[in-house]
Amino acid sequence: MNEFSNARWRKSSHSHAGSGDCVEVAPVPGSVGMRDSKDPSGPVLLVARTGMSALLADIRAGRYDR
């Protein structure tokens, strides 16, 4: 059992079932975990909650649009 075994992973409601091109997120103490939905037992990227909030604000503001 690892530290993420009880995490409640979720992905965007915009994700298409079976597409396999999704990032899943889960709150963990003090951070947010992110992983590739194709490899749920693979590595998890941990981001501080403040960093995740800043990233989401930038995405919503269009700072990463091409």
PDB file of N, CA and C in Angstrom:
ATOM      1  N   MET A   1       0.855  -1.176   0.000  1.00  0.00           N
ATOM      2  CA  MET A   1       0.000   0.000   0.000  1.00  0.00           C
ATOM      3  C   MET A   1       0.901   1.239   0.000  1.00  0.00           C
ATOM      4  N   ASN A   2       0.552   2.235  -0.832  1.00  0.00           N
ATOM      5  CA  ASN A   2       1.348   3.454  -0.870  1.00  0.00           C
ATOM      6  C   ASN A   2       0.535   4.622  -0.332  1.00  0.00           C
ATOM      7  N   GLU A   3       1.168   5.786  -0.269  1.00  0.00           N
ATOM      8  CA  GLU A   3       0.499   6.949   0.307  1.00  0.00           C
ATOM      9  C   GLU A   3      -0.692   7.434  -0.517  1.00  0.00           C
ATOM     10  N   PHE A   4      -0.858   6.936  -1.736  1.00  0.00           N
ATOM     11  CA  PHE A   4      -1.956   7.365  -2.600  1.00  0.00           C
ATOM     12  C   PHE A   4      -3.068   6.326  -2.705  1.00  0.00           C
ATOM     13  N   SER A   5      -2.954   5.228  -1.978  1.00  0.00           N
ATOM     14  CA  SER A   5      -3.941   4.150  -2.119  1.00  0.00           C
ATOM     15  C   SER A   5      -5.339   4.577  -1.685  1.00  0.00           C
ATOM     16  N   ASN A   6      -5.449   5.543  -0.789  1.00  0.00           N
ATOM     17  CA  ASN A   6      -6.764   6.016  -0.351  1.00  0.00           C
ATOM     18  C   ASN A   6      -7.162   7.334  -1.008  1.00  0.00           C
ATOM     19  N   ALA A   7      -6.332   7.824  -1.916  1.00  0.00           N
ATOM     20  CA  ALA A   7      -6.640   9.094  -2.590  1.00  0.00           C
ATOM     21  C   ALA A   7      -7.863   8.930  -3.484  1.00  0.00           C
ATOM     22  N   ARG A   8      -8.644   9.985  -3.586  1.00  0.00           N
ATOM     23  CA  ARG A   8      -9.825   9.988  -4.459  1.00  0.00           C
ATOM     24  C   ARG A   8      -9.461  10.705  -5.756  1.00  0.00           C
ATOM     25  N   TRP A   9      -9.070   9.915  -6.741  1.00  0.00           N
ATOM     26  CA  TRP A   9      -8.631  10.451  -8.024  1.00  0.00           C
ATOM     27  C   TRP A   9      -9.830  10.854  -8.854  1.00  0.00           C
ATOM     28  N   ARG A  10      -9.687  11.959  -9.583  1.00  0.00           N
ATOM     29  CA  ARG A  10     -10.756  12.392 -10.491  1.00  0.00           C
ATOM     30  C   ARG A  10     -10.137  13.024 -11.724  1.00  0.00           C
ATOM     31  N   LYS A  11     -10.937  13.066 -12.777  1.00  0.00           N
ATOM     32  CA  LYS A  11     -10.484  13.713 -14.004  1.00  0.00           C
ATOM     33  C   LYS A  11     -11.584  14.625 -14.511  1.00  0.00           C
ATOM     34  N   SER A  12     -11.261  15.441 -15.453  1.00  0.00           N
ATOM     35  CA  SER A  12     -12.184  16.433 -15.972  1.00  0.00           C
ATOM     36  C   SER A  12     -13.440  15.790 -16.533  1.00  0.00           C
ATOM     37  N   SER A  13     -14.554  16.460 -16.342  1.00  0.00           N
ATOM     38  CA  SER A  13     -15.806  15.992 -16.947  1.00  0.00           C
ATOM     39  C   SER A  13     -15.761  16.144 -18.460  1.00  0.00           C
ATOM     40  N   HIS A  14     -14.781  16.865 -18.967  1.00  0.00           N
ATOM     41  CA  HIS A  14     -14.607  17.019 -20.416  1.00  0.00           C
ATOM     42  C   HIS A  14     -13.845  15.851 -21.031  1.00  0.00           C
ATOM     43  N   SER A  15     -13.321  14.969 -20.190  1.00  0.00           N
ATOM     44  CA  SER A  15     -12.596  13.796 -20.685  1.00  0.00           C
ATOM     45  C   SER A  15     -13.575  12.817 -21.311  1.00  0.00           C
ATOM     46  N   HIS A  16     -13.151  12.184 -22.375  1.00  0.00           N
ATOM     47  CA  HIS A  16     -13.991  11.200 -23.043  1.00  0.00           C
ATOM     48  C   HIS A  16     -13.647   9.815 -22.523  1.00  0.00           C
ATOM     49  N   ALA A  17     -14.665   9.056 -22.205  1.00  0.00           N
ATOM     50  CA  ALA A  17     -14.459   7.702 -21.681  1.00  0.00           C
ATOM     51  C   ALA A  17     -13.639   6.877 -22.665  1.00  0.00           C
ATOM     52  N   GLY A  18     -12.640   6.210 -22.154  1.00  0.00           N
ATOM     53  CA  GLY A  18     -11.837   5.323 -22.980  1.00  0.00           C
ATOM     54  C   GLY A  18     -10.775   5.992 -23.822  1.00  0.00           C
ATOM     55  N   SER A  19     -10.681   7.326 -23.781  1.00  0.00           N
ATOM     56  CA  SER A  19      -9.689   7.996 -24.628  1.00  0.00           C
ATOM     57  C   SER A  19      -8.270   7.781 -24.110  1.00  0.00           C
ATOM     58  N   GLY A  20      -8.107   7.648 -22.801  1.00  0.00           N
ATOM     59  CA  GLY A  20      -6.789   7.407 -22.235  1.00  0.00           C
ATOM     60  C   GLY A  20      -5.857   8.599 -22.255  1.00  0.00           C
ATOM     61  N   ASP A  21      -6.351   9.765 -22.630  1.00  0.00           N
ATOM     62  CA  ASP A  21      -5.515  10.962 -22.705  1.00  0.00           C
ATOM     63  C   ASP A  21      -5.850  11.930 -21.579  1.00  0.00           C
ATOM     64  N   CYS A  22      -5.876  11.429 -20.367  1.00  0.00           N
ATOM     65  CA  CYS A  22      -6.341  12.252 -19.259  1.00  0.00           C
ATOM     66  C   CYS A  22      -5.309  12.340 -18.148  1.00  0.00           C
ATOM     67  N   VAL A  23      -5.348  13.449 -17.472  1.00  0.00           N
ATOM     68  CA  VAL A  23      -4.595  13.635 -16.245  1.00  0.00           C
ATOM     69  C   VAL A  23      -5.599  13.540 -15.115  1.00  0.00           C
ATOM     70  N   GLU A  24      -5.271  12.772 -14.097  1.00  0.00           N
ATOM     71  CA  GLU A  24      -6.130  12.660 -12.927  1.00  0.00           C
ATOM     72  C   GLU A  24      -5.490  13.442 -11.785  1.00  0.00           C
ATOM     73  N   VAL A  25      -6.329  14.008 -10.930  1.00  0.00           N
ATOM     74  CA  VAL A  25      -5.842  14.752  -9.774  1.00  0.00           C
ATOM     75  C   VAL A  25      -6.503  14.218  -8.514  1.00  0.00           C
ATOM     76  N   ALA A  26      -5.803  14.362  -7.404  1.00  0.00           N
ATOM     77  CA  ALA A  26      -6.340  13.953  -6.107  1.00  0.00           C
ATOM     78  C   ALA A  26      -5.736  14.839  -5.024  1.00  0.00           C
ATOM     79  N   PRO A  27      -6.583  15.311  -4.114  1.00  0.00           N
ATOM     80  CA  PRO A  27      -6.030  16.060  -2.989  1.00  0.00           C
ATOM     81  C   PRO A  27      -5.331  15.108  -2.022  1.00  0.00           C
ATOM     82  N   VAL A  28      -4.171  15.484  -1.575  1.00  0.00           N
ATOM     83  CA  VAL A  28      -3.435  14.755  -0.541  1.00  0.00           C
ATOM     84  C   VAL A  28      -2.985  15.811   0.470  1.00  0.00           C
ATOM     85  N   PRO A  29      -2.672  15.434   1.682  1.00  0.00           N
ATOM     86  CA  PRO A  29      -2.336  16.442   2.697  1.00  0.00           C
ATOM     87  C   PRO A  29      -1.275  17.447   2.231  1.00  0.00           C
ATOM     88  N   GLY A  30      -1.680  18.711   2.141  1.00  0.00           N
ATOM     89  CA  GLY A  30      -0.779  19.792   1.775  1.00  0.00           C
ATOM     90  C   GLY A  30      -0.460  19.946   0.309  1.00  0.00           C
ATOM     91  N   SER A  31      -0.932  19.026  -0.519  1.00  0.00           N
ATOM     92  CA  SER A  31      -0.575  19.041  -1.941  1.00  0.00           C
ATOM     93  C   SER A  31      -1.727  18.537  -2.799  1.00  0.00           C
ATOM     94  N   VAL A  32      -1.467  18.540  -4.092  1.00  0.00           N
ATOM     95  CA  VAL A  32      -2.369  17.918  -5.059  1.00  0.00           C
ATOM     96  C   VAL A  32      -1.518  16.940  -5.857  1.00  0.00           C
ATOM     97  N   GLY A  33      -1.983  15.700  -5.958  1.00  0.00           N
ATOM     98  CA  GLY A  33      -1.289  14.701  -6.752  1.00  0.00           C
ATOM     99  C   GLY A  33      -1.831  14.693  -8.166  1.00  0.00           C
ATOM    100  N   MET A  34      -0.951  14.517  -9.136  1.00  0.00           N
ATOM    101  CA  MET A  34      -1.366  14.404 -10.535  1.00  0.00           C
ATOM    102  C   MET A  34      -0.718  13.163 -11.125  1.00  0.00           C
ATOM    103  N   ARG A  35      -1.494  12.432 -11.953  1.00  0.00           N
ATOM    104  CA  ARG A  35      -0.958  11.229 -12.593  1.00  0.00           C
ATOM    105  C   ARG A  35      -1.614  11.031 -13.951  1.00  0.00           C
ATOM    106  N   ASP A  36      -1.009  10.190 -14.754  1.00  0.00           N
ATOM    107  CA  ASP A  36      -1.523   9.823 -16.073  1.00  0.00           C
ATOM    108  C   ASP A  36      -2.578   8.740 -15.887  1.00  0.00           C
ATOM    109  N   SER A  37      -3.763   8.948 -16.428  1.00  0.00           N
ATOM    110  CA  SER A  37      -4.846   7.970 -16.253  1.00  0.00           C
ATOM    111  C   SER A  37      -4.528   6.629 -16.906  1.00  0.00           C
ATOM    112  N   LYS A  38      -3.618   6.617 -17.883  1.00  0.00           N
ATOM    113  CA  LYS A  38      -3.246   5.355 -18.535  1.00  0.00           C
ATOM    114  C   LYS A  38      -2.375   4.482 -17.638  1.00  0.00           C
ATOM    115  N   ASP A  39      -1.772   5.082 -16.617  1.00  0.00           N
ATOM    116  CA  ASP A  39      -0.844   4.351 -15.752  1.00  0.00           C
ATOM    117  C   ASP A  39      -1.111   4.698 -14.285  1.00  0.00           C
ATOM    118  N   PRO A  40      -2.256   4.242 -13.746  1.00  0.00           N
ATOM    119  CA  PRO A  40      -2.615   4.625 -12.379  1.00  0.00           C
ATOM    120  C   PRO A  40      -1.635   4.162 -11.307  1.00  0.00           C
ATOM    121  N   SER A  41      -0.826   3.163 -11.596  1.00  0.00           N
ATOM    122  CA  SER A  41       0.167   2.729 -10.609  1.00  0.00           C
ATOM    123  C   SER A  41       1.532   3.365 -10.867  1.00  0.00           C
ATOM    124  N   GLY A  42       1.588   4.257 -11.846  1.00  0.00           N
ATOM    125  CA  GLY A  42       2.838   4.925 -12.198  1.00  0.00           C
ATOM    126  C   GLY A  42       3.153   6.094 -11.287  1.00  0.00           C
ATOM    127  N   PRO A  43       4.102   6.916 -11.697  1.00  0.00           N
ATOM    128  CA  PRO A  43       4.547   8.025 -10.857  1.00  0.00           C
ATOM    129  C   PRO A  43       3.461   9.078 -10.656  1.00  0.00           C
ATOM    130  N   VAL A  44       3.551   9.752  -9.528  1.00  0.00           N
ATOM    131  CA  VAL A  44       2.627  10.828  -9.176  1.00  0.00           C
ATOM    132  C   VAL A  44       3.440  12.100  -9.001  1.00  0.00           C
ATOM    133  N   LEU A  45       2.995  13.163  -9.646  1.00  0.00           N
ATOM    134  CA  LEU A  45       3.615  14.472  -9.488  1.00  0.00           C
ATOM    135  C   LEU A  45       2.874  15.197  -8.370  1.00  0.00           C
ATOM    136  N   LEU A  46       3.595  15.631  -7.351  1.00  0.00           N
ATOM    137  CA  LEU A  46       2.990  16.384  -6.253  1.00  0.00           C
ATOM    138  C   LEU A  46       3.238  17.866  -6.456  1.00  0.00           C
ATOM    139  N   VAL A  47       2.178  18.648  -6.332  1.00  0.00           N
ATOM    140  CA  VAL A  47       2.259  20.093  -6.490  1.00  0.00           C
ATOM    141  C   VAL A  47       1.649  20.722  -5.240  1.00  0.00           C
ATOM    142  N   ALA A  48       2.314  21.722  -4.687  1.00  0.00           N
ATOM    143  CA  ALA A  48       1.757  22.438  -3.541  1.00  0.00           C
ATOM    144  C   ALA A  48       0.408  23.031  -3.933  1.00  0.00           C
ATOM    145  N   ARG A  49      -0.510  23.084  -2.987  1.00  0.00           N
ATOM    146  CA  ARG A  49      -1.847  23.620  -3.295  1.00  0.00           C
ATOM    147  C   ARG A  49      -1.773  25.035  -3.860  1.00  0.00           C
ATOM    148  N   THR A  50      -0.870  25.856  -3.346  1.00  0.00           N
ATOM    149  CA  THR A  50      -0.747  27.221  -3.870  1.00  0.00           C
ATOM    150  C   THR A  50      -0.256  27.212  -5.309  1.00  0.00           C
ATOM    151  N   GLY A  51       0.654  26.302  -5.626  1.00  0.00           N
ATOM    152  CA  GLY A  51       1.135  26.176  -6.998  1.00  0.00           C
ATOM    153  C   GLY A  51       0.040  25.715  -7.938  1.00  0.00           C
ATOM    154  N   MET A  52      -0.779  24.779  -7.482  1.00  0.00           N
ATOM    155  CA  MET A  52      -1.884  24.282  -8.303  1.00  0.00           C
ATOM    156  C   MET A  52      -2.904  25.390  -8.538  1.00  0.00           C
ATOM    157  N   SER A  53      -3.192  26.169  -7.506  1.00  0.00           N
ATOM    158  CA  SER A  53      -4.129  27.285  -7.659  1.00  0.00           C
ATOM    159  C   SER A  53      -3.617  28.291  -8.677  1.00  0.00           C
ATOM    160  N   ALA A  54      -2.323  28.591  -8.617  1.00  0.00           N
ATOM    161  CA  ALA A  54      -1.732  29.532  -9.575  1.00  0.00           C
ATOM    162  C   ALA A  54      -1.774  28.972 -10.993  1.00  0.00           C
ATOM    163  N   LEU A  55      -1.481  27.682 -11.153  1.00  0.00           N
ATOM    164  CA  LEU A  55      -1.535  27.048 -12.471  1.00  0.00           C
ATOM    165  C   LEU A  55      -2.942  27.123 -13.049  1.00  0.00           C
ATOM    166  N   LEU A  56      -3.940  26.780 -12.251  1.00  0.00           N
ATOM    167  CA  LEU A  56      -5.323  26.820 -12.740  1.00  0.00           C
ATOM    168  C   LEU A  56      -5.753  28.241 -13.090  1.00  0.00           C
ATOM    169  N   ALA A  57      -5.337  29.225 -12.301  1.00  0.00           N
ATOM    170  CA  ALA A  57      -5.659  30.623 -12.615  1.00  0.00           C
ATOM    171  C   ALA A  57      -5.032  31.031 -13.945  1.00  0.00           C
ATOM    172  N   ASP A  58      -3.789  30.621 -14.184  1.00  0.00           N
ATOM    173  CA  ASP A  58      -3.123  30.931 -15.454  1.00  0.00           C
ATOM    174  C   ASP A  58      -3.819  30.259 -16.633  1.00  0.00           C
ATOM    175  N   ILE A  59      -4.231  29.018 -16.455  1.00  0.00           N
ATOM    176  CA  ILE A  59      -4.949  28.306 -17.526  1.00  0.00           C
ATOM    177  C   ILE A  59      -6.247  29.023 -17.845  1.00  0.00           C
ATOM    178  N   ARG A  60      -6.996  29.372 -16.813  1.00  0.00           N
ATOM    179  CA  ARG A  60      -8.279  30.070 -17.021  1.00  0.00           C
ATOM    180  C   ARG A  60      -8.083  31.430 -17.679  1.00  0.00           C
ATOM    181  N   ALA A  61      -6.951  32.074 -17.404  1.00  0.00           N
ATOM    182  CA  ALA A  61      -6.661  33.386 -17.990  1.00  0.00           C
ATOM    183  C   ALA A  61      -6.132  33.279 -19.416  1.00  0.00           C
ATOM    184  N   GLY A  62      -5.917  32.056 -19.898  1.00  0.00           N
ATOM    185  CA  GLY A  62      -5.465  31.866 -21.271  1.00  0.00           C
ATOM    186  C   GLY A  62      -3.971  32.028 -21.469  1.00  0.00           C
ATOM    187  N   ARG A  63      -3.198  31.993 -20.400  1.00  0.00           N
ATOM    188  CA  ARG A  63      -1.758  32.217 -20.519  1.00  0.00           C
ATOM    189  C   ARG A  63      -1.020  31.105 -21.245  1.00  0.00           C
ATOM    190  N   TYR A  64      -1.659  29.967 -21.432  1.00  0.00           N
ATOM    191  CA  TYR A  64      -1.012  28.849 -22.127  1.00  0.00           C
ATOM    192  C   TYR A  64      -1.653  28.561 -23.483  1.00  0.00           C
ATOM    193  N   ASP A  65      -2.584  29.410 -23.886  1.00  0.00           N
ATOM    194  CA  ASP A  65      -3.224  29.223 -25.191  1.00  0.00           C
ATOM    195  C   ASP A  65      -2.206  29.473 -26.297  1.00  0.00           C
ATOM    196  N   ARG A  66      -2.345  28.719 -27.343  1.00  0.00           N
ATOM    197  CA  ARG A  66      -1.438  28.907 -28.486  1.00  0.00           C
ATOM    198  C   ARG A  66      -2.169  29.557 -29.618  1.00  0.00           C
TER     199      ARG A  66
END
